[in-house]
Amino acid sequence: MDFTYVSDFVDAIILLINNWEKTKNKSFNISGEQETNLYWLARYIKWKTNSKSEIKFYPQEIAQPQQVKVNINDLKSYGYKPKINIQEGVNLLLDFYKHERY
């Protein structure tokens, strides 16, 4: 899977708005540009949180792609470069939830 951290997503949107005359009526992929295995991601989150949760496997959905790497070359031509990789994104998210009060 290909994940994008929220601040990178916002940066891409702002970049496209700032280049509106060139980008209007076009579509762009926004991506963190790092394909990530979901099993690796689940293990990483378990490790970071000291979770004892079980990782369960289910049969693959035929209609769902098993590999996703989004091409962001069009967006990069306007200067976009993702800043937050998957590990940093997970760490930032976990830190947010540690300090969030409900």
Protein backbone atom coordinates (compact mmCIF):
# COMPACT_ATOMS: atom_id res chain seq x y z
CA MET A 1 0.00 0.00 0.00
CA ASP A 2 1.05 3.58 -0.54
CA PHE A 3 0.34 5.94 2.36
CA THR A 4 0.54 9.73 2.57
CA TYR A 5 0.98 11.67 5.79
CA VAL A 6 -1.59 14.43 6.23
CA SER A 7 0.94 17.30 6.16
CA ASP A 8 2.34 16.02 2.84
CA PHE A 9 -1.19 15.81 1.47
CA VAL A 10 -1.90 19.40 2.54
CA ASP A 11 1.42 20.56 1.03
CA ALA A 12 0.42 18.98 -2.29
CA ILE A 13 -3.00 20.64 -2.27
CA ILE A 14 -1.47 24.06 -1.47
CA LEU A 15 1.11 23.58 -4.23
CA LEU A 16 -1.64 22.80 -6.74
CA ILE A 17 -3.73 25.78 -5.61
CA ASN A 18 -0.70 28.06 -5.91
CA ASN A 19 -0.24 26.82 -9.48
CA TRP A 20 -3.95 26.95 -10.28
CA GLU A 21 -3.61 28.38 -13.78
CA LYS A 22 -1.41 25.45 -14.81
CA THR A 23 -3.10 22.73 -12.75
CA LYS A 24 -6.83 23.48 -13.05
CA ASN A 25 -8.88 20.81 -14.78
CA LYS A 26 -6.10 18.25 -14.31
CA SER A 27 -5.97 15.31 -11.94
CA PHE A 28 -2.97 14.45 -9.80
CA ASN A 29 -1.98 11.49 -7.65
CA ILE A 30 -0.80 12.41 -4.16
CA SER A 31 1.41 9.91 -2.42
CA GLY A 32 4.13 9.45 0.15
CA GLU A 33 5.92 7.57 -2.62
CA GLN A 34 6.84 4.65 -0.38
CA GLU A 35 5.09 1.35 -1.03
CA THR A 36 4.53 -0.41 2.28
CA ASN A 37 3.66 -4.00 3.07
CA LEU A 38 0.63 -4.08 5.41
CA TYR A 39 2.05 -6.98 7.41
CA TRP A 40 5.26 -4.99 8.01
CA LEU A 41 3.15 -1.96 9.02
CA ALA A 42 1.08 -4.02 11.48
CA ARG A 43 4.23 -5.49 13.04
CA TYR A 44 5.81 -2.02 13.28
CA ILE A 45 2.75 -0.60 15.05
CA LYS A 46 2.66 -3.59 17.42
CA TRP A 47 6.34 -3.06 18.22
CA LYS A 48 5.97 0.72 18.74
CA THR A 49 2.96 0.29 21.02
CA ASN A 50 4.09 -2.87 22.83
CA SER A 51 0.78 -4.37 21.75
CA LYS A 52 0.01 -8.02 22.36
CA SER A 53 -2.68 -7.93 19.67
CA GLU A 54 -2.80 -10.79 17.20
CA ILE A 55 -2.32 -10.02 13.52
CA LYS A 56 -5.03 -11.89 11.64
CA PHE A 57 -4.87 -12.87 8.01
CA TYR A 58 -7.90 -13.11 5.75
CA PRO A 59 -8.18 -14.31 2.15
CA GLN A 60 -7.23 -11.69 -0.42
CA GLU A 61 -10.06 -9.79 -2.00
CA ILE A 62 -9.88 -10.44 -5.71
CA ALA A 63 -11.18 -6.96 -6.59
CA GLN A 64 -8.55 -5.23 -4.44
CA PRO A 65 -5.04 -4.66 -5.79
CA GLN A 66 -2.41 -6.35 -3.66
CA GLN A 67 0.31 -3.88 -4.58
CA VAL A 68 -0.17 -0.15 -4.92
CA LYS A 69 2.54 2.35 -5.82
CA VAL A 70 1.14 5.62 -7.08
CA ASN A 71 2.92 7.55 -9.83
CA ILE A 72 3.38 11.17 -8.70
CA ASN A 73 5.65 12.38 -11.50
CA ASP A 74 3.12 15.01 -12.65
CA LEU A 75 2.89 16.43 -9.13
CA LYS A 76 6.68 16.32 -8.69
CA SER A 77 7.06 18.45 -11.83
CA TYR A 78 5.53 21.30 -9.77
CA GLY A 79 8.04 20.79 -6.97
CA TYR A 80 6.22 18.34 -4.71
CA LYS A 81 8.35 16.06 -2.59
CA PRO A 82 6.89 14.10 0.34
CA LYS A 83 8.68 14.84 3.60
CA ILE A 84 7.26 12.27 6.04
CA ASN A 85 8.08 8.59 5.49
CA ILE A 86 5.89 5.79 6.81
CA GLN A 87 7.86 5.26 10.03
CA GLU A 88 7.86 8.97 10.86
CA GLY A 89 4.16 9.15 10.05
CA VAL A 90 3.29 6.27 12.37
CA ASN A 91 5.46 7.77 15.13
CA LEU A 92 3.81 11.19 14.75
CA LEU A 93 0.36 9.61 14.80
CA LEU A 94 1.12 7.54 17.89
CA ASP A 95 2.58 10.60 19.63
CA PHE A 96 -0.56 12.57 18.79
CA TYR A 97 -2.79 9.89 20.32
CA LYS A 98 -0.63 9.67 23.45
CA HIS A 99 -1.25 13.34 24.15
CA GLU A 100 -4.82 13.65 22.88
CA ARG A 101 -7.45 13.93 25.60
CA TYR A 102 -10.97 12.76 24.84
